Amino acid sequence: QVQLVESGGGLVQPGGSLKLSCAASGSIFSIYTMAWYRQGPGKQRELVAKITRGGSTNYADSVKDRFTISRDNAKNTVYLQMNSLKAEDTAVYYCNAVIQPTTQIQLSDYWGQGTQVTVSS
């Protein structure tokens, strides 16, 4: 069994900052790309940022220069530092990881349960 558990969401004022964390645990052989997605009210889920095992990153245009994704491979954890938050960043944020479990050769996609981020004054 593999689990992704997010933490760090909450309510923040416009212009504020939050840091999300997502820890993978369980029968893990190797973790490849890790990513953050979000789904705002009435919107489709969208990619926010992703990071490869080697540290290469990609960001949605809407969050470039405000959000930073990072990972600690020793802790099987990915982070999302969110600065200069705007009302339109309000969403449920989901952690995603491509993982090879110890129980199989194929890679599988895993998702966290989501954490709410609300940006409001």
N, C-alpha and C. Protein backbone atom coordinates (compact mmCIF):
# COMPACT_ATOMS: atom_id res chain seq x y z
N GLN A 1 0.84 -1.19 0.00
CA GLN A 1 0.00 0.00 0.00
C GLN A 1 0.87 1.24 0.00
N VAL A 2 0.49 2.21 -0.83
CA VAL A 2 1.18 3.49 -0.89
C VAL A 2 0.19 4.59 -0.54
N GLN A 3 0.63 5.53 0.26
CA GLN A 3 -0.23 6.66 0.65
C GLN A 3 0.49 7.96 0.43
N LEU A 4 -0.26 8.98 0.02
CA LEU A 4 0.23 10.36 -0.03
C LEU A 4 -0.61 11.18 0.93
N VAL A 5 0.03 11.87 1.83
CA VAL A 5 -0.69 12.67 2.83
C VAL A 5 -0.21 14.11 2.75
N GLU A 6 -1.16 15.00 2.45
CA GLU A 6 -0.85 16.43 2.35
C GLU A 6 -1.10 17.13 3.68
N SER A 7 -0.42 18.24 3.87
CA SER A 7 -0.65 19.10 5.03
C SER A 7 -0.26 20.52 4.66
N GLY A 8 -0.74 21.47 5.47
CA GLY A 8 -0.30 22.86 5.31
C GLY A 8 -1.33 23.80 4.72
N GLY A 9 -2.49 23.30 4.33
CA GLY A 9 -3.49 24.20 3.77
C GLY A 9 -4.12 25.06 4.86
N GLY A 10 -4.96 26.00 4.42
CA GLY A 10 -5.62 26.86 5.39
C GLY A 10 -6.13 28.13 4.76
N LEU A 11 -6.47 29.07 5.64
CA LEU A 11 -6.98 30.38 5.22
C LEU A 11 -5.86 31.41 5.33
N VAL A 12 -5.67 32.19 4.28
CA VAL A 12 -4.62 33.20 4.27
C VAL A 12 -5.14 34.44 3.56
N GLN A 13 -4.65 35.59 3.95
CA GLN A 13 -5.05 36.84 3.31
C GLN A 13 -4.34 37.02 1.97
N PRO A 14 -4.93 37.77 1.06
CA PRO A 14 -4.24 38.07 -0.21
C PRO A 14 -2.86 38.68 0.07
N GLY A 15 -1.88 38.21 -0.69
CA GLY A 15 -0.51 38.65 -0.49
C GLY A 15 0.27 37.81 0.49
N GLY A 16 -0.41 36.91 1.17
CA GLY A 16 0.23 36.07 2.16
C GLY A 16 0.90 34.85 1.56
N SER A 17 1.43 34.01 2.45
CA SER A 17 2.17 32.81 2.04
C SER A 17 1.67 31.57 2.77
N LEU A 18 1.81 30.44 2.12
CA LEU A 18 1.55 29.14 2.73
C LEU A 18 2.55 28.15 2.15
N LYS A 19 2.85 27.11 2.93
CA LYS A 19 3.71 26.04 2.43
C LYS A 19 2.98 24.72 2.60
N LEU A 20 2.77 24.03 1.50
CA LEU A 20 2.15 22.71 1.52
C LEU A 20 3.23 21.63 1.53
N SER A 21 2.92 20.54 2.20
CA SER A 21 3.80 19.38 2.22
C SER A 21 3.00 18.15 1.83
N CYS A 22 3.70 17.19 1.24
CA CYS A 22 3.06 15.92 0.88
C CYS A 22 4.09 14.82 1.08
N ALA A 23 3.77 13.90 1.98
CA ALA A 23 4.68 12.81 2.29
C ALA A 23 4.12 11.50 1.75
N ALA A 24 4.97 10.79 1.04
CA ALA A 24 4.61 9.47 0.53
C ALA A 24 5.12 8.41 1.50
N SER A 25 4.30 7.40 1.72
CA SER A 25 4.70 6.33 2.64
C SER A 25 4.15 5.00 2.16
N GLY A 26 4.68 3.93 2.73
CA GLY A 26 4.21 2.61 2.37
C GLY A 26 5.27 1.82 1.65
N SER A 27 4.81 0.88 0.83
CA SER A 27 5.70 -0.05 0.12
C SER A 27 6.23 0.60 -1.16
N ILE A 28 7.21 1.49 -0.98
CA ILE A 28 7.74 2.28 -2.09
C ILE A 28 9.12 1.79 -2.48
N PHE A 29 9.29 1.49 -3.77
CA PHE A 29 10.62 1.16 -4.28
C PHE A 29 11.30 2.43 -4.79
N SER A 30 10.57 3.21 -5.58
CA SER A 30 11.15 4.43 -6.13
C SER A 30 10.05 5.43 -6.48
N ILE A 31 10.35 6.71 -6.29
CA ILE A 31 9.41 7.78 -6.65
C ILE A 31 9.99 8.58 -7.80
N TYR A 32 9.21 8.78 -8.83
CA TYR A 32 9.66 9.54 -9.99
C TYR A 32 9.12 10.95 -9.91
N THR A 33 8.36 11.41 -10.89
CA THR A 33 7.86 12.77 -10.88
C THR A 33 6.85 12.96 -9.75
N MET A 34 6.96 14.10 -9.07
CA MET A 34 5.98 14.51 -8.07
C MET A 34 5.40 15.84 -8.51
N ALA A 35 4.15 16.07 -8.17
CA ALA A 35 3.49 17.26 -8.69
C ALA A 35 2.39 17.73 -7.74
N TRP A 36 2.01 18.98 -7.93
CA TRP A 36 0.85 19.56 -7.27
C TRP A 36 -0.17 19.96 -8.32
N TYR A 37 -1.41 19.59 -8.10
CA TYR A 37 -2.54 20.00 -8.91
C TYR A 37 -3.49 20.78 -8.01
N ARG A 38 -4.41 21.50 -8.64
CA ARG A 38 -5.44 22.17 -7.85
C ARG A 38 -6.76 22.18 -8.63
N GLN A 39 -7.83 22.26 -7.85
CA GLN A 39 -9.17 22.34 -8.45
C GLN A 39 -9.94 23.41 -7.71
N GLY A 40 -10.18 24.52 -8.40
CA GLY A 40 -10.95 25.61 -7.82
C GLY A 40 -12.45 25.37 -7.97
N PRO A 41 -13.26 26.16 -7.29
CA PRO A 41 -14.72 26.00 -7.36
C PRO A 41 -15.21 26.11 -8.80
N GLY A 42 -15.92 25.09 -9.26
CA GLY A 42 -16.47 25.11 -10.60
C GLY A 42 -15.46 24.98 -11.72
N LYS A 43 -14.24 24.59 -11.37
CA LYS A 43 -13.18 24.48 -12.39
C LYS A 43 -12.67 23.05 -12.48
N GLN A 44 -11.97 22.78 -13.59
CA GLN A 44 -11.34 21.47 -13.74
C GLN A 44 -10.01 21.46 -12.99
N ARG A 45 -9.59 20.26 -12.63
CA ARG A 45 -8.29 20.11 -11.98
C ARG A 45 -7.20 20.51 -12.95
N GLU A 46 -6.22 21.29 -12.46
CA GLU A 46 -5.13 21.76 -13.32
C GLU A 46 -3.79 21.53 -12.65
N LEU A 47 -2.77 21.36 -13.47
CA LEU A 47 -1.41 21.21 -12.97
C LEU A 47 -0.90 22.55 -12.47
N VAL A 48 -0.33 22.56 -11.28
CA VAL A 48 0.26 23.76 -10.72
C VAL A 48 1.77 23.75 -10.93
N ALA A 49 2.40 22.64 -10.54
CA ALA A 49 3.85 22.51 -10.68
C ALA A 49 4.24 21.05 -10.57
N LYS A 50 5.37 20.71 -11.20
CA LYS A 50 5.87 19.36 -11.09
C LYS A 50 7.39 19.38 -11.00
N ILE A 51 7.93 18.30 -10.42
CA ILE A 51 9.37 18.21 -10.23
C ILE A 51 9.81 16.77 -10.45
N THR A 52 10.87 16.61 -11.22
CA THR A 52 11.40 15.27 -11.47
C THR A 52 12.27 14.82 -10.31
N ARG A 53 12.67 13.58 -10.34
CA ARG A 53 13.51 13.05 -9.28
C ARG A 53 14.85 13.81 -9.25
N GLY A 54 15.28 14.25 -10.42
CA GLY A 54 16.53 14.98 -10.50
C GLY A 54 16.42 16.46 -10.17
N GLY A 55 15.19 16.95 -10.00
CA GLY A 55 15.01 18.33 -9.58
C GLY A 55 14.58 19.30 -10.66
N SER A 56 14.34 18.83 -11.87
CA SER A 56 13.83 19.71 -12.92
C SER A 56 12.38 20.06 -12.63
N THR A 57 12.03 21.33 -12.86
CA THR A 57 10.70 21.80 -12.49
C THR A 57 9.96 22.42 -13.67
N ASN A 58 8.63 22.39 -13.56
CA ASN A 58 7.75 23.08 -14.51
C ASN A 58 6.62 23.71 -13.71
N TYR A 59 6.17 24.88 -14.16
CA TYR A 59 5.11 25.59 -13.47
C TYR A 59 4.02 26.05 -14.44
N ALA A 60 2.81 26.12 -13.94
CA ALA A 60 1.75 26.78 -14.69
C ALA A 60 2.09 28.26 -14.79
N ASP A 61 1.73 28.87 -15.91
CA ASP A 61 2.05 30.30 -16.10
C ASP A 61 1.47 31.15 -14.98
N SER A 62 0.30 30.75 -14.47
CA SER A 62 -0.40 31.57 -13.47
C SER A 62 0.32 31.62 -12.12
N VAL A 63 1.28 30.70 -11.89
CA VAL A 63 1.95 30.68 -10.59
C VAL A 63 3.45 30.92 -10.69
N LYS A 64 3.97 31.06 -11.91
CA LYS A 64 5.41 31.30 -12.07
C LYS A 64 5.82 32.53 -11.30
N ASP A 65 6.98 32.46 -10.68
CA ASP A 65 7.58 33.55 -9.90
C ASP A 65 6.87 33.79 -8.57
N ARG A 66 5.82 33.00 -8.27
CA ARG A 66 5.15 33.12 -6.96
C ARG A 66 5.24 31.81 -6.17
N PHE A 67 5.17 30.68 -6.87
CA PHE A 67 5.20 29.37 -6.22
C PHE A 67 6.53 28.68 -6.51
N THR A 68 6.98 27.88 -5.54
CA THR A 68 8.20 27.10 -5.72
C THR A 68 7.95 25.66 -5.26
N ILE A 69 8.21 24.72 -6.16
CA ILE A 69 8.09 23.31 -5.80
C ILE A 69 9.49 22.77 -5.49
N SER A 70 9.55 21.92 -4.47
CA SER A 70 10.82 21.30 -4.10
C SER A 70 10.52 19.92 -3.54
N ARG A 71 11.57 19.11 -3.39
CA ARG A 71 11.36 17.77 -2.85
C ARG A 71 12.57 17.34 -2.04
N ASP A 72 12.31 16.46 -1.09
CA ASP A 72 13.36 15.83 -0.29
C ASP A 72 13.25 14.34 -0.56
N ASN A 73 14.13 13.83 -1.40
CA ASN A 73 14.03 12.43 -1.79
C ASN A 73 14.27 11.48 -0.60
N ALA A 74 15.07 11.90 0.34
CA ALA A 74 15.33 11.06 1.51
C ALA A 74 14.08 10.90 2.37
N LYS A 75 13.21 11.90 2.33
CA LYS A 75 11.98 11.87 3.13
C LYS A 75 10.75 11.54 2.29
N ASN A 76 10.94 11.27 1.00
CA ASN A 76 9.80 10.99 0.10
C ASN A 76 8.74 12.08 0.20
N THR A 77 9.19 13.32 0.23
CA THR A 77 8.28 14.44 0.47
C THR A 77 8.46 15.51 -0.60
N VAL A 78 7.33 16.08 -1.02
CA VAL A 78 7.33 17.21 -1.95
C VAL A 78 6.67 18.39 -1.27
N TYR A 79 7.17 19.57 -1.58
CA TYR A 79 6.68 20.80 -0.97
C TYR A 79 6.21 21.78 -2.04
N LEU A 80 5.32 22.68 -1.64
CA LEU A 80 4.92 23.78 -2.51
C LEU A 80 4.89 25.04 -1.67
N GLN A 81 5.86 25.90 -1.89
CA GLN A 81 5.90 27.20 -1.23
C GLN A 81 5.11 28.18 -2.07
N MET A 82 4.08 28.76 -1.48
CA MET A 82 3.19 29.66 -2.22
C MET A 82 3.29 31.05 -1.62
N ASN A 83 3.77 32.00 -2.41
CA ASN A 83 3.90 33.39 -1.98
C ASN A 83 2.99 34.29 -2.80
N SER A 84 2.78 35.48 -2.31
CA SER A 84 1.95 36.47 -3.01
C SER A 84 0.63 35.87 -3.46
N LEU A 85 -0.03 35.21 -2.53
CA LEU A 85 -1.25 34.49 -2.88
C LEU A 85 -2.37 35.46 -3.27
N LYS A 86 -3.17 34.99 -4.23
CA LYS A 86 -4.29 35.77 -4.75
C LYS A 86 -5.59 34.99 -4.52
N ALA A 87 -6.70 35.70 -4.60
CA ALA A 87 -8.00 35.05 -4.41
C ALA A 87 -8.19 33.91 -5.40
N GLU A 88 -7.67 34.09 -6.60
CA GLU A 88 -7.85 33.05 -7.63
C GLU A 88 -7.01 31.80 -7.38
N ASP A 89 -6.15 31.83 -6.37
CA ASP A 89 -5.41 30.63 -5.98
C ASP A 89 -6.24 29.73 -5.06
N THR A 90 -7.42 30.22 -4.65
CA THR A 90 -8.29 29.41 -3.80
C THR A 90 -8.68 28.13 -4.52
N ALA A 91 -8.42 27.00 -3.88
CA ALA A 91 -8.68 25.70 -4.50
C ALA A 91 -8.36 24.60 -3.50
N VAL A 92 -8.76 23.39 -3.88
CA VAL A 92 -8.25 22.21 -3.19
C VAL A 92 -6.98 21.79 -3.92
N TYR A 93 -5.90 21.65 -3.18
CA TYR A 93 -4.62 21.31 -3.76
C TYR A 93 -4.35 19.82 -3.53
N TYR A 94 -3.99 19.14 -4.61
CA TYR A 94 -3.75 17.69 -4.56
C TYR A 94 -2.29 17.38 -4.89
N CYS A 95 -1.74 16.48 -4.14
CA CYS A 95 -0.41 15.97 -4.40
C CYS A 95 -0.52 14.75 -5.33
N ASN A 96 0.41 14.64 -6.25
CA ASN A 96 0.45 13.51 -7.18
C ASN A 96 1.87 13.00 -7.28
N ALA A 97 2.01 11.69 -7.40
CA ALA A 97 3.35 11.11 -7.55
C ALA A 97 3.29 9.86 -8.42
N VAL A 98 4.31 9.72 -9.24
CA VAL A 98 4.49 8.50 -10.04
C VAL A 98 5.45 7.61 -9.26
N ILE A 99 4.96 6.45 -8.87
CA ILE A 99 5.70 5.61 -7.92
C ILE A 99 5.78 4.17 -8.42
N GLN A 100 6.93 3.57 -8.20
CA GLN A 100 7.05 2.13 -8.38
C GLN A 100 6.97 1.49 -7.00
N PRO A 101 5.87 0.80 -6.72
CA PRO A 101 5.77 0.13 -5.42
C PRO A 101 6.72 -1.07 -5.39
N THR A 102 6.99 -1.55 -4.21
CA THR A 102 7.86 -2.73 -4.08
C THR A 102 7.17 -3.99 -4.60
N THR A 103 5.84 -3.91 -4.75
CA THR A 103 5.06 -5.09 -5.09
C THR A 103 4.85 -5.29 -6.58
N GLN A 104 5.36 -4.36 -7.42
CA GLN A 104 5.15 -4.51 -8.85
C GLN A 104 6.25 -3.80 -9.63
N ILE A 105 6.40 -4.20 -10.90
CA ILE A 105 7.40 -3.57 -11.75
C ILE A 105 6.87 -2.27 -12.36
N GLN A 106 5.55 -2.25 -12.67
CA GLN A 106 5.00 -1.08 -13.36
C GLN A 106 4.92 0.12 -12.42
N LEU A 107 5.03 1.29 -13.02
CA LEU A 107 4.82 2.52 -12.29
C LEU A 107 3.31 2.79 -12.17
N SER A 108 2.93 3.42 -11.09
CA SER A 108 1.52 3.79 -10.90
C SER A 108 1.42 5.23 -10.44
N ASP A 109 0.26 5.81 -10.72
CA ASP A 109 -0.06 7.18 -10.34
C ASP A 109 -0.79 7.17 -9.01
N TYR A 110 -0.32 7.99 -8.06
CA TYR A 110 -0.97 8.07 -6.75
C TYR A 110 -1.36 9.51 -6.46
N TRP A 111 -2.47 9.66 -5.73
CA TRP A 111 -2.99 10.98 -5.38
C TRP A 111 -3.21 11.09 -3.87
N GLY A 112 -3.00 12.28 -3.35
CA GLY A 112 -3.36 12.57 -1.98
C GLY A 112 -4.84 12.90 -1.89
N GLN A 113 -5.29 13.13 -0.67
CA GLN A 113 -6.72 13.38 -0.44
C GLN A 113 -7.11 14.83 -0.69
N GLY A 114 -6.13 15.70 -0.80
CA GLY A 114 -6.40 17.11 -1.07
C GLY A 114 -6.37 17.94 0.20
N THR A 115 -5.94 19.18 0.07
CA THR A 115 -5.94 20.12 1.19
C THR A 115 -6.47 21.46 0.69
N GLN A 116 -7.36 22.05 1.46
CA GLN A 116 -8.02 23.29 1.04
C GLN A 116 -7.12 24.50 1.29
N VAL A 117 -6.98 25.33 0.28
CA VAL A 117 -6.31 26.61 0.41
C VAL A 117 -7.33 27.69 0.07
N THR A 118 -7.57 28.59 1.00
CA THR A 118 -8.52 29.68 0.79
C THR A 118 -7.80 31.01 0.97
N VAL A 119 -7.86 31.84 -0.07
CA VAL A 119 -7.22 33.15 -0.01
C VAL A 119 -8.33 34.19 0.03
N SER A 120 -8.47 34.85 1.17
CA SER A 120 -9.57 35.79 1.37
C SER A 120 -9.23 36.76 2.49
N SER A 121 -9.74 37.97 2.34
CA SER A 121 -9.56 38.96 3.40
C SER A 121 -10.76 38.95 4.35
